[in-house]
Protein backbone atom coordinates (compact mmCIF):
# COMPACT_ATOMS: atom_id res chain seq x y z
CA MET A 1 -5.33 -10.07 -42.43
CA ALA A 2 -7.76 -12.92 -41.94
CA GLU A 3 -8.53 -14.41 -38.55
CA GLN A 4 -11.13 -16.71 -37.01
CA MET A 5 -12.32 -15.46 -33.65
CA ALA A 6 -14.04 -18.87 -33.46
CA ASP A 7 -15.58 -21.21 -36.02
CA SER A 8 -18.84 -19.35 -35.48
CA VAL A 9 -17.48 -15.87 -36.31
CA LEU A 10 -14.98 -14.94 -39.02
CA TYR A 11 -12.89 -11.78 -38.81
CA GLU A 12 -10.86 -10.18 -41.58
CA VAL A 13 -9.22 -6.77 -41.93
CA SER A 14 -7.98 -5.26 -45.18
CA ASP A 15 -7.58 -1.70 -46.45
CA GLY A 16 -9.15 -0.18 -43.35
CA LEU A 17 -12.24 -2.42 -43.41
CA ALA A 18 -13.02 -5.10 -40.83
CA VAL A 19 -15.43 -7.74 -42.13
CA ILE A 20 -17.14 -9.68 -39.34
CA THR A 21 -19.15 -12.67 -40.51
CA ILE A 22 -21.50 -14.70 -38.32
CA ASN A 23 -20.86 -18.27 -39.44
CA ARG A 24 -23.39 -20.78 -38.12
CA PRO A 25 -25.39 -21.30 -41.33
CA ASP A 26 -26.77 -24.70 -40.32
CA ALA A 27 -28.36 -23.05 -37.26
CA MET A 28 -29.50 -19.98 -39.24
CA ASN A 29 -26.77 -18.10 -37.35
CA ALA A 30 -28.54 -18.51 -34.01
CA MET A 31 -26.38 -17.20 -31.18
CA ASN A 32 -25.03 -19.84 -28.82
CA THR A 33 -22.57 -18.82 -26.12
CA ALA A 34 -19.48 -19.41 -28.27
CA ALA A 35 -20.90 -17.28 -31.09
CA LYS A 36 -21.90 -14.47 -28.72
CA VAL A 37 -18.46 -14.35 -27.13
CA ALA A 38 -16.76 -14.44 -30.54
CA LEU A 39 -18.98 -11.69 -31.97
CA ARG A 40 -18.49 -9.50 -28.92
CA ASP A 41 -14.71 -9.97 -29.07
CA ALA A 42 -14.55 -9.34 -32.82
CA LEU A 43 -16.49 -6.10 -32.55
CA GLU A 44 -14.42 -4.90 -29.61
CA SER A 45 -11.23 -5.73 -31.54
CA ALA A 46 -12.45 -3.74 -34.54
CA ALA A 47 -13.41 -0.82 -32.31
CA ALA A 48 -9.97 -0.73 -30.68
CA ASP A 49 -7.93 -1.21 -33.87
CA THR A 50 -6.83 2.19 -35.23
CA ALA A 51 -6.17 0.58 -38.61
CA VAL A 52 -9.90 -0.20 -38.91
CA ARG A 53 -11.89 2.74 -40.31
CA ALA A 54 -15.21 0.94 -40.96
CA VAL A 55 -16.84 -2.38 -40.16
CA LEU A 56 -19.08 -4.68 -42.21
CA LEU A 57 -21.23 -7.06 -40.17
CA THR A 58 -22.76 -9.85 -42.24
CA ALA A 59 -23.41 -13.60 -42.20
CA THR A 60 -23.18 -16.83 -44.16
CA GLY A 61 -26.07 -18.93 -45.43
CA ARG A 62 -29.73 -17.96 -45.72
CA ALA A 63 -30.07 -16.04 -42.44
CA PHE A 64 -28.41 -12.96 -41.01
CA CYS A 65 -29.11 -14.02 -37.41
CA VAL A 66 -32.24 -15.46 -35.82
CA GLY A 67 -31.23 -14.39 -32.32
CA GLN A 68 -30.82 -16.66 -29.31
CA ASP A 69 -30.05 -20.34 -29.88
CA LEU A 70 -33.15 -21.74 -28.20
CA LYS A 71 -31.77 -25.29 -28.03
CA GLU A 72 -28.94 -24.10 -25.82
CA HIS A 73 -31.30 -21.76 -23.97
CA VAL A 74 -33.61 -24.62 -22.91
CA GLY A 75 -30.68 -26.27 -21.15
CA LYS A 76 -29.84 -23.06 -19.32
CA LEU A 77 -33.47 -22.68 -18.22
CA ASP A 78 -33.35 -26.21 -16.75
CA GLU A 79 -30.09 -25.45 -14.96
CA ALA A 80 -31.54 -22.25 -13.50
CA ARG A 81 -34.62 -24.05 -12.22
CA GLU A 82 -32.59 -26.88 -10.68
CA SER A 83 -30.15 -24.58 -8.94
CA GLY A 84 -32.81 -22.13 -7.83
CA SER A 85 -30.33 -19.30 -8.13
CA GLY A 86 -29.22 -19.20 -11.72
CA ASN A 87 -30.19 -16.56 -14.26
CA ALA A 88 -30.76 -18.13 -17.66
CA LEU A 89 -30.81 -14.68 -19.24
CA SER A 90 -27.57 -13.32 -17.81
CA THR A 91 -26.44 -13.43 -21.43
CA VAL A 92 -28.16 -10.08 -22.00
CA GLN A 93 -25.72 -8.36 -19.64
CA GLU A 94 -22.73 -10.53 -20.53
CA HIS A 95 -23.09 -10.66 -24.31
CA TYR A 96 -25.93 -8.81 -26.01
CA ASN A 97 -25.41 -5.47 -24.27
CA PRO A 98 -21.64 -5.39 -24.96
CA ILE A 99 -22.26 -6.37 -28.61
CA VAL A 100 -24.70 -3.51 -29.14
CA ARG A 101 -22.50 -1.04 -27.28
CA ALA A 102 -19.50 -2.04 -29.36
CA ILE A 103 -21.47 -1.36 -32.56
CA THR A 104 -23.06 1.90 -31.47
CA GLU A 105 -20.17 3.41 -29.52
CA MET A 106 -17.20 2.65 -31.77
CA PRO A 107 -15.95 5.88 -33.44
CA LYS A 108 -16.29 4.46 -36.94
CA PRO A 109 -19.25 3.49 -39.13
CA VAL A 110 -20.70 -0.03 -39.03
CA VAL A 111 -22.60 -1.40 -42.04
CA ALA A 112 -24.94 -4.39 -41.77
CA GLY A 113 -25.10 -6.62 -44.83
CA VAL A 114 -28.42 -8.35 -44.14
CA ASN A 115 -28.44 -11.48 -46.31
CA GLY A 116 -31.51 -13.17 -44.86
CA VAL A 117 -33.86 -13.29 -41.91
CA ALA A 118 -32.89 -11.06 -38.97
CA ALA A 119 -34.95 -11.95 -35.90
CA GLY A 120 -34.84 -11.18 -32.20
CA ALA A 121 -31.33 -10.18 -31.20
CA GLY A 122 -30.30 -10.49 -34.84
CA PHE A 123 -32.79 -7.74 -35.69
CA GLY A 124 -31.35 -5.74 -32.79
CA PHE A 125 -27.79 -6.13 -34.11
CA ALA A 126 -28.84 -4.91 -37.56
CA LEU A 127 -30.66 -1.90 -36.08
CA ALA A 128 -27.61 -0.99 -33.98
CA CYS A 129 -25.56 -0.59 -37.16
CA ASP A 130 -25.27 2.81 -38.81
CA TYR A 131 -26.37 1.67 -42.28
CA ARG A 132 -28.21 -1.42 -43.50
CA VAL A 133 -27.79 -2.93 -46.97
CA VAL A 134 -30.54 -5.54 -47.27
CA ALA A 135 -31.09 -8.38 -49.74
CA ASP A 136 -34.54 -8.31 -51.34
CA SER A 137 -35.10 -11.85 -50.02
CA ALA A 138 -34.36 -10.91 -46.40
CA SER A 139 -36.93 -10.39 -43.67
CA PHE A 140 -37.16 -9.00 -40.13
CA ASN A 141 -39.03 -10.19 -37.04
CA THR A 142 -38.91 -8.87 -33.47
CA SER A 143 -39.75 -12.42 -32.22
CA PHE A 144 -39.45 -11.68 -28.48
CA ALA A 145 -43.12 -11.77 -27.50
CA GLY A 146 -43.49 -14.97 -29.53
CA VAL A 147 -41.37 -16.76 -26.92
CA ALA A 148 -42.79 -14.80 -23.97
CA LEU A 149 -39.81 -12.46 -23.63
CA THR A 150 -39.34 -8.71 -23.73
CA ALA A 151 -37.03 -6.76 -25.99
CA ASP A 152 -33.25 -6.79 -25.72
CA SER A 153 -30.23 -5.92 -27.88
CA GLY A 154 -31.29 -2.28 -27.79
CA ILE A 155 -34.30 -2.84 -30.03
CA SER A 156 -36.66 -0.90 -27.73
CA TRP A 157 -34.36 2.12 -28.25
CA THR A 158 -33.42 1.76 -31.93
CA LEU A 159 -36.69 0.57 -33.48
CA PRO A 160 -38.98 3.43 -32.34
CA ARG A 161 -36.36 5.96 -33.39
CA LEU A 162 -36.40 4.53 -36.89
CA ILE A 163 -40.10 3.89 -37.42
CA GLY A 164 -41.92 5.67 -34.58
CA GLN A 165 -43.33 4.54 -31.24
CA SER A 166 -46.67 3.27 -32.54
CA ARG A 167 -45.24 1.11 -35.32
CA ALA A 168 -42.53 -0.21 -33.02
CA ALA A 169 -45.15 -1.22 -30.44
CA ASP A 170 -47.12 -2.99 -33.17
CA LEU A 171 -44.12 -5.01 -34.34
CA LEU A 172 -43.08 -5.87 -30.78
CA LEU A 173 -46.53 -6.81 -29.46
CA PHE A 174 -47.49 -8.74 -32.61
CA PRO A 175 -44.26 -10.26 -33.92
CA ARG A 176 -44.39 -11.29 -37.57
CA SER A 177 -42.17 -11.45 -40.60
CA ILE A 178 -41.57 -8.08 -42.29
CA SER A 179 -40.41 -8.34 -45.89
CA ALA A 180 -37.33 -6.53 -47.13
CA GLN A 181 -39.55 -4.31 -49.27
CA ASP A 182 -41.70 -3.32 -46.28
CA ALA A 183 -38.55 -2.77 -44.21
CA HIS A 184 -37.26 -0.42 -46.89
CA GLU A 185 -40.50 1.55 -46.91
CA LEU A 186 -40.46 1.77 -43.11
CA GLY A 187 -36.88 3.05 -43.10
CA ILE A 188 -35.33 -0.06 -41.53
CA ALA A 189 -33.38 -0.88 -44.70
CA ASN A 190 -31.25 1.96 -46.07
CA LYS A 191 -30.49 0.21 -49.35
CA LEU A 192 -32.39 -2.68 -50.93
CA VAL A 193 -30.50 -4.84 -53.43
CA PRO A 194 -31.02 -8.14 -55.29
CA ALA A 195 -29.95 -11.07 -53.12
CA ALA A 196 -27.27 -12.09 -55.61
CA ASP A 197 -25.68 -8.65 -55.30
CA LEU A 198 -25.81 -8.32 -51.52
CA ALA A 199 -22.20 -9.28 -50.75
CA ALA A 200 -20.74 -6.98 -53.39
CA GLU A 201 -23.06 -4.04 -52.64
CA ALA A 202 -22.59 -4.21 -48.87
CA ALA A 203 -18.82 -4.43 -49.29
CA ALA A 204 -18.84 -1.46 -51.68
CA VAL A 205 -20.76 0.69 -49.18
CA ALA A 206 -18.45 -0.35 -46.33
CA ARG A 207 -15.29 0.23 -48.36
CA THR A 208 -16.50 3.69 -49.36
CA LEU A 209 -16.87 4.52 -45.67
CA ALA A 210 -13.51 2.92 -44.84
CA SER A 211 -11.79 5.30 -47.27
CA GLY A 212 -13.70 8.36 -46.06
CA PRO A 213 -13.15 11.05 -43.40
CA THR A 214 -13.16 8.83 -40.31
CA VAL A 215 -13.07 11.67 -37.76
CA ALA A 216 -16.09 13.30 -39.40
CA TYR A 217 -17.98 10.00 -39.52
CA ALA A 218 -17.28 9.40 -35.83
CA ALA A 219 -18.53 12.90 -35.04
CA LEU A 220 -21.69 12.39 -37.11
CA LYS A 221 -22.37 9.12 -35.33
CA GLU A 222 -21.89 10.72 -31.91
CA SER A 223 -24.00 13.73 -32.90
CA LEU A 224 -26.93 11.57 -34.03
CA ALA A 225 -26.84 9.51 -30.83
CA HIS A 226 -26.63 12.64 -28.69
CA GLY A 227 -29.44 14.40 -30.53
CA ALA A 228 -31.78 11.43 -29.99
CA GLY A 229 -31.88 12.09 -26.26
CA HIS A 230 -31.16 15.78 -25.76
CA THR A 231 -32.75 19.16 -26.32
CA LEU A 232 -32.01 21.36 -29.33
CA SER A 233 -29.91 23.67 -27.17
CA GLU A 234 -27.86 20.75 -25.85
CA THR A 235 -27.52 19.34 -29.35
CA LEU A 236 -26.29 22.66 -30.75
CA LYS A 237 -23.62 22.71 -28.05
CA LYS A 238 -22.57 19.15 -28.94
CA GLU A 239 -22.47 20.01 -32.64
CA ASP A 240 -20.17 22.93 -31.92
CA GLU A 241 -17.87 20.70 -29.87
CA LEU A 242 -17.75 18.02 -32.55
CA GLN A 243 -17.38 20.48 -35.42
CA THR A 244 -14.34 21.96 -33.71
CA LYS A 245 -12.82 18.47 -33.53
CA ALA A 246 -13.65 17.64 -37.15
CA GLY A 247 -12.35 21.01 -38.32
CA ALA A 248 -8.99 20.30 -36.70
CA SER A 249 -8.61 16.95 -38.49
CA GLN A 250 -6.11 16.40 -41.31
CA ASP A 251 -8.94 15.10 -43.45
CA HIS A 252 -10.75 18.44 -43.30
CA THR A 253 -7.67 20.24 -44.58
CA ILE A 254 -7.28 17.60 -47.30
CA ALA A 255 -10.94 17.98 -48.30
CA VAL A 256 -10.82 21.75 -48.54
CA GLN A 257 -7.61 21.73 -50.57
CA ALA A 258 -8.99 19.05 -52.88
CA PHE A 259 -12.15 21.12 -53.40
CA LEU A 260 -10.12 24.19 -54.32
CA ASN A 261 -7.96 22.12 -56.68
CA LYS A 262 -11.05 20.41 -58.14
CA GLU A 263 -9.64 17.03 -57.17
CA LYS A 264 -11.04 14.01 -55.38
CA PRO A 265 -9.80 13.98 -51.75
CA LYS A 266 -7.68 11.08 -50.52
CA TYR A 267 -8.47 10.83 -46.84
CA LEU A 268 -6.08 9.56 -44.20
CA GLY A 269 -8.71 8.81 -41.55
CA ARG A 270 -7.29 11.28 -39.04
């Protein structure tokens, strides 16, 4: 099933995989209001759709997403100044936060296919995903301090957890382009592939997850998020809770039987 949430975001579901494509290539996939609303709605649709077992977030053109559309943003800054009461950055609460929550909280894996530069909020979106397949020509940039802003899109939470507090502070305080190779070494990119192979490789990873044990993946995702902010004792309790749920799934029974029969399991996602 193919659908356009808006011209700026494409949405397609097939065989348990939702492919969400940011589609403003002439603007390097900068996020104007229409694109932010469309991306938020597409992600929330994928999260709510029980037929969707994994999501691939990618983009057209030479950029993944360069963050806020600054041309539109300038107009909103002028409006805020003229009115004396407006908040030019209400978009964080209205759009960026729901986008990141939709990615991180949906009970199914989300793969980022990073085809080009990911900057600002675009970097944040990629970091919010569970797995990043990155073209060797791509790059990353926190960007925020370069336009006298602080972090958003969850990047102050995700980045230090991936690369450590000190390195995260360095990249945020001194924004600069980080090559795909450096991102791979830092642990930002899970898989580095030739640019020509990015679409196929990212789709292959996402389709593998879409045909896997969805309940177990959801539990793993929840367990990792929980463990990042809780004690070992609390995490052990959460693991027990989630393992009980995974153990009761049909997919667990299918996996065990397939193992005993020396067959490849065919998961149902429940």
